[in-house]
PDB file of all heavy atoms in Angstrom:
ATOM      1  N   ALA A   1      40.269  77.301 -39.201  1.00  0.00           N
ATOM      2  CA  ALA A   1      41.217  76.368 -38.661  1.00  0.00           C
ATOM      3  C   ALA A   1      40.544  75.007 -38.653  1.00  0.00           C
ATOM      4  O   ALA A   1      39.351  74.864 -38.276  1.00  0.00           O
ATOM      5  CB  ALA A   1      41.674  76.691 -37.251  1.00  0.00           C
ATOM      6  N   GLY A   2      41.281  73.977 -39.131  1.00  0.00           N
ATOM      7  CA  GLY A   2      40.651  72.665 -39.187  1.00  0.00           C
ATOM      8  C   GLY A   2      41.666  71.543 -38.818  1.00  0.00           C
ATOM      9  O   GLY A   2      42.809  71.749 -38.716  1.00  0.00           O
ATOM     10  N   MET A   3      41.059  70.429 -38.458  1.00  0.00           N
ATOM     11  CA  MET A   3      41.860  69.222 -38.157  1.00  0.00           C
ATOM     12  C   MET A   3      41.055  67.956 -38.478  1.00  0.00           C
ATOM     13  O   MET A   3      39.835  67.998 -38.540  1.00  0.00           O
ATOM     14  CB  MET A   3      42.232  69.231 -36.585  1.00  0.00           C
ATOM     15  CG  MET A   3      41.065  69.209 -35.688  1.00  0.00           C
ATOM     16  SD  MET A   3      41.601  69.130 -33.916  1.00  0.00           S
ATOM     17  CE  MET A   3      42.495  70.607 -33.756  1.00  0.00           C
ATOM     18  N   TYR A   4      41.798  66.948 -38.777  1.00  0.00           N
ATOM     19  CA  TYR A   4      41.156  65.689 -39.171  1.00  0.00           C
ATOM     20  C   TYR A   4      40.587  65.003 -37.890  1.00  0.00           C
ATOM     21  O   TYR A   4      41.167  65.088 -36.804  1.00  0.00           O
ATOM     22  CB  TYR A   4      42.150  64.728 -39.841  1.00  0.00           C
ATOM     23  CG  TYR A   4      42.661  65.291 -41.145  1.00  0.00           C
ATOM     24  CD1 TYR A   4      43.994  65.580 -41.305  1.00  0.00           C
ATOM     25  CD2 TYR A   4      41.763  65.454 -42.187  1.00  0.00           C
ATOM     26  CE1 TYR A   4      44.463  66.027 -42.520  1.00  0.00           C
ATOM     27  CE2 TYR A   4      42.223  65.976 -43.384  1.00  0.00           C
ATOM     28  CZ  TYR A   4      43.533  66.274 -43.544  1.00  0.00           C
ATOM     29  OH  TYR A   4      44.054  66.781 -44.767  1.00  0.00           O
ATOM     30  N   ILE A   5      39.409  64.364 -38.079  1.00  0.00           N
ATOM     31  CA  ILE A   5      38.763  63.715 -36.942  1.00  0.00           C
ATOM     32  C   ILE A   5      38.626  62.207 -37.159  1.00  0.00           C
ATOM     33  O   ILE A   5      37.827  61.518 -36.504  1.00  0.00           O
ATOM     34  CB  ILE A   5      37.416  64.314 -36.635  1.00  0.00           C
ATOM     35  CG1 ILE A   5      36.500  64.228 -37.911  1.00  0.00           C
ATOM     36  CG2 ILE A   5      37.527  65.763 -36.205  1.00  0.00           C
ATOM     37  CD1 ILE A   5      35.062  64.797 -37.647  1.00  0.00           C
ATOM     38  N   ASN A   6      39.342  61.653 -38.168  1.00  0.00           N
ATOM     39  CA  ASN A   6      39.248  60.245 -38.419  1.00  0.00           C
ATOM     40  C   ASN A   6      39.795  59.415 -37.306  1.00  0.00           C
ATOM     41  O   ASN A   6      39.410  58.219 -37.142  1.00  0.00           O
ATOM     42  CB  ASN A   6      39.952  59.861 -39.759  1.00  0.00           C
ATOM     43  CG  ASN A   6      39.264  60.455 -40.943  1.00  0.00           C
ATOM     44  OD1 ASN A   6      39.478  61.633 -41.224  1.00  0.00           O
ATOM     45  ND2 ASN A   6      38.426  59.694 -41.667  1.00  0.00           N
ATOM     46  N   ASP A   7      40.740  59.939 -36.527  1.00  0.00           N
ATOM     47  CA  ASP A   7      41.255  59.223 -35.374  1.00  0.00           C
ATOM     48  C   ASP A   7      40.182  58.980 -34.321  1.00  0.00           C
ATOM     49  O   ASP A   7      40.210  57.948 -33.567  1.00  0.00           O
ATOM     50  CB  ASP A   7      42.372  59.943 -34.805  1.00  0.00           C
ATOM     51  CG  ASP A   7      42.014  61.367 -34.333  1.00  0.00           C
ATOM     52  OD1 ASP A   7      41.276  61.999 -35.047  1.00  0.00           O
ATOM     53  OD2 ASP A   7      42.526  61.796 -33.264  1.00  0.00           O
ATOM     54  N   ILE A   8      39.123  59.829 -34.276  1.00  0.00           N
ATOM     55  CA  ILE A   8      38.002  59.570 -33.368  1.00  0.00           C
ATOM     56  C   ILE A   8      37.299  58.302 -33.771  1.00  0.00           C
ATOM     57  O   ILE A   8      36.926  57.476 -32.896  1.00  0.00           O
ATOM     58  CB  ILE A   8      37.070  60.794 -33.410  1.00  0.00           C
ATOM     59  CG1 ILE A   8      37.705  62.007 -32.811  1.00  0.00           C
ATOM     60  CG2 ILE A   8      35.801  60.400 -32.652  1.00  0.00           C
ATOM     61  CD1 ILE A   8      36.817  63.270 -32.883  1.00  0.00           C
ATOM     62  N   GLU A   9      37.139  58.081 -35.067  1.00  0.00           N
ATOM     63  CA  GLU A   9      36.462  56.789 -35.519  1.00  0.00           C
ATOM     64  C   GLU A   9      37.387  55.637 -35.153  1.00  0.00           C
ATOM     65  O   GLU A   9      36.749  54.535 -34.722  1.00  0.00           O
ATOM     66  CB  GLU A   9      36.264  56.886 -36.999  1.00  0.00           C
ATOM     67  CG  GLU A   9      35.357  57.995 -37.478  1.00  0.00           C
ATOM     68  CD  GLU A   9      33.971  57.861 -36.834  1.00  0.00           C
ATOM     69  OE1 GLU A   9      33.443  56.789 -36.620  1.00  0.00           O
ATOM     70  OE2 GLU A   9      33.415  58.940 -36.575  1.00  0.00           O
ATOM     71  N   SER A  10      38.703  55.787 -35.145  1.00  0.00           N
ATOM     72  CA  SER A  10      39.547  54.683 -34.750  1.00  0.00           C
ATOM     73  C   SER A  10      39.424  54.396 -33.281  1.00  0.00           C
ATOM     74  O   SER A  10      39.330  53.214 -32.797  1.00  0.00           O
ATOM     75  CB  SER A  10      40.952  55.056 -35.091  1.00  0.00           C
ATOM     76  OG  SER A  10      41.191  55.319 -36.439  1.00  0.00           O
ATOM     77  N   VAL A  11      39.264  55.442 -32.446  1.00  0.00           N
ATOM     78  CA  VAL A  11      39.092  55.266 -31.013  1.00  0.00           C
ATOM     79  C   VAL A  11      37.756  54.594 -30.766  1.00  0.00           C
ATOM     80  O   VAL A  11      37.675  53.645 -30.009  1.00  0.00           O
ATOM     81  CB  VAL A  11      39.145  56.621 -30.270  1.00  0.00           C
ATOM     82  CG1 VAL A  11      38.714  56.457 -28.841  1.00  0.00           C
ATOM     83  CG2 VAL A  11      40.508  57.245 -30.349  1.00  0.00           C
ATOM     84  N   LEU A  12      36.710  55.010 -31.463  1.00  0.00           N
ATOM     85  CA  LEU A  12      35.397  54.373 -31.332  1.00  0.00           C
ATOM     86  C   LEU A  12      35.379  52.954 -31.753  1.00  0.00           C
ATOM     87  O   LEU A  12      34.726  52.068 -31.153  1.00  0.00           O
ATOM     88  CB  LEU A  12      34.346  55.193 -32.078  1.00  0.00           C
ATOM     89  CG  LEU A  12      34.096  56.616 -31.612  1.00  0.00           C
ATOM     90  CD1 LEU A  12      33.131  57.361 -32.534  1.00  0.00           C
ATOM     91  CD2 LEU A  12      33.539  56.633 -30.168  1.00  0.00           C
ATOM     92  N   ALA A  13      36.110  52.651 -32.882  1.00  0.00           N
ATOM     93  CA  ALA A  13      36.227  51.293 -33.402  1.00  0.00           C
ATOM     94  C   ALA A  13      36.900  50.385 -32.308  1.00  0.00           C
ATOM     95  O   ALA A  13      36.440  49.225 -32.098  1.00  0.00           O
ATOM     96  CB  ALA A  13      36.920  51.194 -34.631  1.00  0.00           C
ATOM     97  N   GLN A  14      37.959  50.951 -31.672  1.00  0.00           N
ATOM     98  CA  GLN A  14      38.680  50.157 -30.645  1.00  0.00           C
ATOM     99  C   GLN A  14      37.754  49.920 -29.437  1.00  0.00           C
ATOM    100  O   GLN A  14      37.670  48.831 -28.891  1.00  0.00           O
ATOM    101  CB  GLN A  14      39.927  50.905 -30.202  1.00  0.00           C
ATOM    102  CG  GLN A  14      40.724  50.198 -29.110  1.00  0.00           C
ATOM    103  CD  GLN A  14      41.247  48.868 -29.580  1.00  0.00           C
ATOM    104  OE1 GLN A  14      41.563  48.678 -30.776  1.00  0.00           O
ATOM    105  NE2 GLN A  14      41.398  47.932 -28.692  1.00  0.00           N
ATOM    106  N   LYS A  15      36.927  50.950 -29.104  1.00  0.00           N
ATOM    107  CA  LYS A  15      36.025  50.841 -28.012  1.00  0.00           C
ATOM    108  C   LYS A  15      34.904  49.779 -28.300  1.00  0.00           C
ATOM    109  O   LYS A  15      34.510  49.029 -27.510  1.00  0.00           O
ATOM    110  CB  LYS A  15      35.343  52.210 -27.774  1.00  0.00           C
ATOM    111  CG  LYS A  15      34.481  52.227 -26.527  1.00  0.00           C
ATOM    112  CD  LYS A  15      35.296  52.067 -25.220  1.00  0.00           C
ATOM    113  CE  LYS A  15      34.417  52.229 -24.049  1.00  0.00           C
ATOM    114  NZ  LYS A  15      35.152  51.981 -22.785  1.00  0.00           N
ATOM    115  N   GLU A  16      34.485  49.796 -29.562  1.00  0.00           N
ATOM    116  CA  GLU A  16      33.486  48.784 -29.971  1.00  0.00           C
ATOM    117  C   GLU A  16      34.032  47.339 -29.888  1.00  0.00           C
ATOM    118  O   GLU A  16      33.340  46.438 -29.480  1.00  0.00           O
ATOM    119  CB  GLU A  16      33.028  49.086 -31.346  1.00  0.00           C
ATOM    120  CG  GLU A  16      31.848  48.241 -31.853  1.00  0.00           C
ATOM    121  CD  GLU A  16      31.268  48.695 -33.174  1.00  0.00           C
ATOM    122  OE1 GLU A  16      31.773  49.697 -33.655  1.00  0.00           O
ATOM    123  OE2 GLU A  16      30.302  48.137 -33.669  1.00  0.00           O
ATOM    124  N   LYS A  17      35.323  47.166 -30.260  1.00  0.00           N
ATOM    125  CA  LYS A  17      35.886  45.863 -30.087  1.00  0.00           C
ATOM    126  C   LYS A  17      35.935  45.404 -28.655  1.00  0.00           C
ATOM    127  O   LYS A  17      35.757  44.276 -28.352  1.00  0.00           O
ATOM    128  CB  LYS A  17      37.331  45.916 -30.783  1.00  0.00           C
ATOM    129  CG  LYS A  17      37.379  45.968 -32.244  1.00  0.00           C
ATOM    130  CD  LYS A  17      38.772  45.906 -32.746  1.00  0.00           C
ATOM    131  CE  LYS A  17      38.804  46.006 -34.237  1.00  0.00           C
ATOM    132  NZ  LYS A  17      40.230  46.020 -34.787  1.00  0.00           N
ATOM    133  N   GLU A  18      36.310  46.367 -27.799  1.00  0.00           N
ATOM    134  CA  GLU A  18      36.306  46.070 -26.403  1.00  0.00           C
ATOM    135  C   GLU A  18      34.958  45.644 -25.932  1.00  0.00           C
ATOM    136  O   GLU A  18      34.837  44.673 -25.078  1.00  0.00           O
ATOM    137  CB  GLU A  18      36.858  47.237 -25.609  1.00  0.00           C
ATOM    138  CG  GLU A  18      38.313  47.584 -25.822  1.00  0.00           C
ATOM    139  CD  GLU A  18      38.723  48.850 -25.074  1.00  0.00           C
ATOM    140  OE1 GLU A  18      37.915  49.424 -24.374  1.00  0.00           O
ATOM    141  OE2 GLU A  18      39.903  49.265 -25.270  1.00  0.00           O
ATOM    142  N   ILE A  19      33.903  46.327 -26.339  1.00  0.00           N
ATOM    143  CA  ILE A  19      32.533  46.028 -25.910  1.00  0.00           C
ATOM    144  C   ILE A  19      32.179  44.648 -26.505  1.00  0.00           C
ATOM    145  O   ILE A  19      31.554  43.810 -25.776  1.00  0.00           O
ATOM    146  CB  ILE A  19      31.583  47.055 -26.416  1.00  0.00           C
ATOM    147  CG1 ILE A  19      31.861  48.436 -25.602  1.00  0.00           C
ATOM    148  CG2 ILE A  19      30.166  46.653 -26.143  1.00  0.00           C
ATOM    149  CD1 ILE A  19      31.086  49.585 -26.189  1.00  0.00           C
ATOM    150  N   GLU A  20      32.527  44.370 -27.749  1.00  0.00           N
ATOM    151  CA  GLU A  20      32.258  43.033 -28.321  1.00  0.00           C
ATOM    152  C   GLU A  20      32.919  41.960 -27.525  1.00  0.00           C
ATOM    153  O   GLU A  20      32.389  40.877 -27.274  1.00  0.00           O
ATOM    154  CB  GLU A  20      32.605  42.975 -29.803  1.00  0.00           C
ATOM    155  CG  GLU A  20      31.726  43.881 -30.631  1.00  0.00           C
ATOM    156  CD  GLU A  20      32.162  43.882 -32.106  1.00  0.00           C
ATOM    157  OE1 GLU A  20      33.236  43.245 -32.389  1.00  0.00           O
ATOM    158  OE2 GLU A  20      31.495  44.418 -33.009  1.00  0.00           O
ATOM    159  N   SER A  21      34.157  42.179 -27.139  1.00  0.00           N
ATOM    160  CA  SER A  21      34.909  41.196 -26.337  1.00  0.00           C
ATOM    161  C   SER A  21      34.218  40.963 -24.994  1.00  0.00           C
ATOM    162  O   SER A  21      34.026  39.822 -24.550  1.00  0.00           O
ATOM    163  CB  SER A  21      36.348  41.595 -26.107  1.00  0.00           C
ATOM    164  OG  SER A  21      37.044  40.756 -25.368  1.00  0.00           O
ATOM    165  N   THR A  22      33.768  42.050 -24.377  1.00  0.00           N
ATOM    166  CA  THR A  22      33.065  41.898 -23.147  1.00  0.00           C
ATOM    167  C   THR A  22      31.750  41.145 -23.247  1.00  0.00           C
ATOM    168  O   THR A  22      31.410  40.294 -22.464  1.00  0.00           O
ATOM    169  CB  THR A  22      32.784  43.286 -22.526  1.00  0.00           C
ATOM    170  OG1 THR A  22      34.038  44.035 -22.340  1.00  0.00           O
ATOM    171  CG2 THR A  22      32.074  43.213 -21.240  1.00  0.00           C
ATOM    172  N   MET A  23      31.083  41.417 -24.343  1.00  0.00           N
ATOM    173  CA  MET A  23      29.822  40.744 -24.723  1.00  0.00           C
ATOM    174  C   MET A  23      30.065  39.193 -24.838  1.00  0.00           C
ATOM    175  O   MET A  23      29.313  38.420 -24.376  1.00  0.00           O
ATOM    176  CB  MET A  23      29.157  41.352 -25.918  1.00  0.00           C
ATOM    177  CG  MET A  23      27.778  40.783 -26.211  1.00  0.00           C
ATOM    178  SD  MET A  23      27.117  41.484 -27.758  1.00  0.00           S
ATOM    179  CE  MET A  23      27.052  43.291 -27.312  1.00  0.00           C
ATOM    180  N   MET A  24      31.072  38.891 -25.600  1.00  0.00           N
ATOM    181  CA  MET A  24      31.395  37.444 -25.845  1.00  0.00           C
ATOM    182  C   MET A  24      31.791  36.770 -24.518  1.00  0.00           C
ATOM    183  O   MET A  24      31.350  35.635 -24.286  1.00  0.00           O
ATOM    184  CB  MET A  24      32.491  37.338 -26.860  1.00  0.00           C
ATOM    185  CG  MET A  24      32.123  37.714 -28.247  1.00  0.00           C
ATOM    186  SD  MET A  24      30.676  36.800 -28.923  1.00  0.00           S
ATOM    187  CE  MET A  24      31.339  35.120 -28.840  1.00  0.00           C
ATOM    188  N   ASN A  25      32.578  37.459 -23.682  1.00  0.00           N
ATOM    189  CA  ASN A  25      32.936  36.854 -22.410  1.00  0.00           C
ATOM    190  C   ASN A  25      31.767  36.686 -21.565  1.00  0.00           C
ATOM    191  O   ASN A  25      31.596  35.616 -20.895  1.00  0.00           O
ATOM    192  CB  ASN A  25      33.929  37.773 -21.696  1.00  0.00           C
ATOM    193  CG  ASN A  25      35.264  37.777 -22.380  1.00  0.00           C
ATOM    194  OD1 ASN A  25      35.623  36.865 -23.101  1.00  0.00           O
ATOM    195  ND2 ASN A  25      36.053  38.907 -22.173  1.00  0.00           N
ATOM    196  N   GLN A  26      30.794  37.630 -21.542  1.00  0.00           N
ATOM    197  CA  GLN A  26      29.594  37.475 -20.698  1.00  0.00           C
ATOM    198  C   GLN A  26      28.741  36.370 -21.232  1.00  0.00           C
ATOM    199  O   GLN A  26      28.170  35.612 -20.472  1.00  0.00           O
ATOM    200  CB  GLN A  26      28.813  38.804 -20.776  1.00  0.00           C
ATOM    201  CG  GLN A  26      27.658  38.795 -19.874  1.00  0.00           C
ATOM    202  CD  GLN A  26      27.061  40.260 -19.684  1.00  0.00           C
ATOM    203  OE1 GLN A  26      27.712  41.188 -19.995  1.00  0.00           O
ATOM    204  NE2 GLN A  26      25.836  40.320 -19.135  1.00  0.00           N
ATOM    205  N   LEU A  27      28.660  36.238 -22.568  1.00  0.00           N
ATOM    206  CA  LEU A  27      27.807  35.160 -23.142  1.00  0.00           C
ATOM    207  C   LEU A  27      28.445  33.748 -22.866  1.00  0.00           C
ATOM    208  O   LEU A  27      27.703  32.867 -22.597  1.00  0.00           O
ATOM    209  CB  LEU A  27      27.616  35.360 -24.625  1.00  0.00           C
ATOM    210  CG  LEU A  27      26.758  36.502 -25.099  1.00  0.00           C
ATOM    211  CD1 LEU A  27      26.740  36.593 -26.624  1.00  0.00           C
ATOM    212  CD2 LEU A  27      25.334  36.318 -24.623  1.00  0.00           C
ATOM    213  N   THR A  28      29.763  33.720 -22.894  1.00  0.00           N
ATOM    214  CA  THR A  28      30.447  32.438 -22.640  1.00  0.00           C
ATOM    215  C   THR A  28      30.207  32.045 -21.138  1.00  0.00           C
ATOM    216  O   THR A  28      29.899  30.946 -20.797  1.00  0.00           O
ATOM    217  CB  THR A  28      31.948  32.556 -22.884  1.00  0.00           C
ATOM    218  OG1 THR A  28      32.156  32.952 -24.247  1.00  0.00           O
ATOM    219  CG2 THR A  28      32.705  31.291 -22.555  1.00  0.00           C
ATOM    220  N   LEU A  29      30.340  33.031 -20.260  1.00  0.00           N
ATOM    221  CA  LEU A  29      30.089  32.822 -18.805  1.00  0.00           C
ATOM    222  C   LEU A  29      28.663  32.408 -18.602  1.00  0.00           C
ATOM    223  O   LEU A  29      28.361  31.477 -17.795  1.00  0.00           O
ATOM    224  CB  LEU A  29      30.446  34.067 -17.992  1.00  0.00           C
ATOM    225  CG  LEU A  29      30.116  34.006 -16.531  1.00  0.00           C
ATOM    226  CD1 LEU A  29      31.031  32.916 -15.907  1.00  0.00           C
ATOM    227  CD2 LEU A  29      30.459  35.343 -15.859  1.00  0.00           C
ATOM    228  N   LEU A  30      27.727  33.041 -19.322  1.00  0.00           N
ATOM    229  CA  LEU A  30      26.352  32.673 -19.164  1.00  0.00           C
ATOM    230  C   LEU A  30      26.055  31.247 -19.613  1.00  0.00           C
ATOM    231  O   LEU A  30      25.307  30.521 -18.991  1.00  0.00           O
ATOM    232  CB  LEU A  30      25.471  33.678 -19.879  1.00  0.00           C
ATOM    233  CG  LEU A  30      23.879  33.482 -19.856  1.00  0.00           C
ATOM    234  CD1 LEU A  30      23.437  33.570 -18.397  1.00  0.00           C
ATOM    235  CD2 LEU A  30      23.224  34.480 -20.760  1.00  0.00           C
ATOM    236  N   ALA A  31      26.675  30.906 -20.750  1.00  0.00           N
ATOM    237  CA  ALA A  31      26.540  29.474 -21.300  1.00  0.00           C
ATOM    238  C   ALA A  31      27.071  28.445 -20.315  1.00  0.00           C
ATOM    239  O   ALA A  31      26.427  27.454 -20.078  1.00  0.00           O
ATOM    240  CB  ALA A  31      27.237  29.405 -22.673  1.00  0.00           C
ATOM    241  N   VAL A  32      28.223  28.770 -19.727  1.00  0.00           N
ATOM    242  CA  VAL A  32      28.854  27.814 -18.778  1.00  0.00           C
ATOM    243  C   VAL A  32      27.942  27.673 -17.531  1.00  0.00           C
ATOM    244  O   VAL A  32      27.674  26.547 -17.047  1.00  0.00           O
ATOM    245  CB  VAL A  32      30.248  28.291 -18.307  1.00  0.00           C
ATOM    246  CG1 VAL A  32      30.765  27.434 -17.193  1.00  0.00           C
ATOM    247  CG2 VAL A  32      31.200  28.234 -19.522  1.00  0.00           C
ATOM    248  N   MET A  33      27.428  28.826 -17.043  1.00  0.00           N
ATOM    249  CA  MET A  33      26.573  28.760 -15.927  1.00  0.00           C
ATOM    250  C   MET A  33      25.286  28.007 -16.211  1.00  0.00           C
ATOM    251  O   MET A  33      24.793  27.218 -15.406  1.00  0.00           O
ATOM    252  CB  MET A  33      26.279  30.177 -15.434  1.00  0.00           C
ATOM    253  CG  MET A  33      27.472  30.986 -14.870  1.00  0.00           C
ATOM    254  SD  MET A  33      27.098  32.654 -14.427  1.00  0.00           S
ATOM    255  CE  MET A  33      25.914  32.392 -13.078  1.00  0.00           C
TER     256      MET A  33
END
């Protein structure tokens, strides 16, 4: 029995974008401070 797991990569890619957004917000806040 098998199933495709490419959607996992999509979930991880979305998670990575969220982390990158958090990183940019943190760097922006750090620069302002």
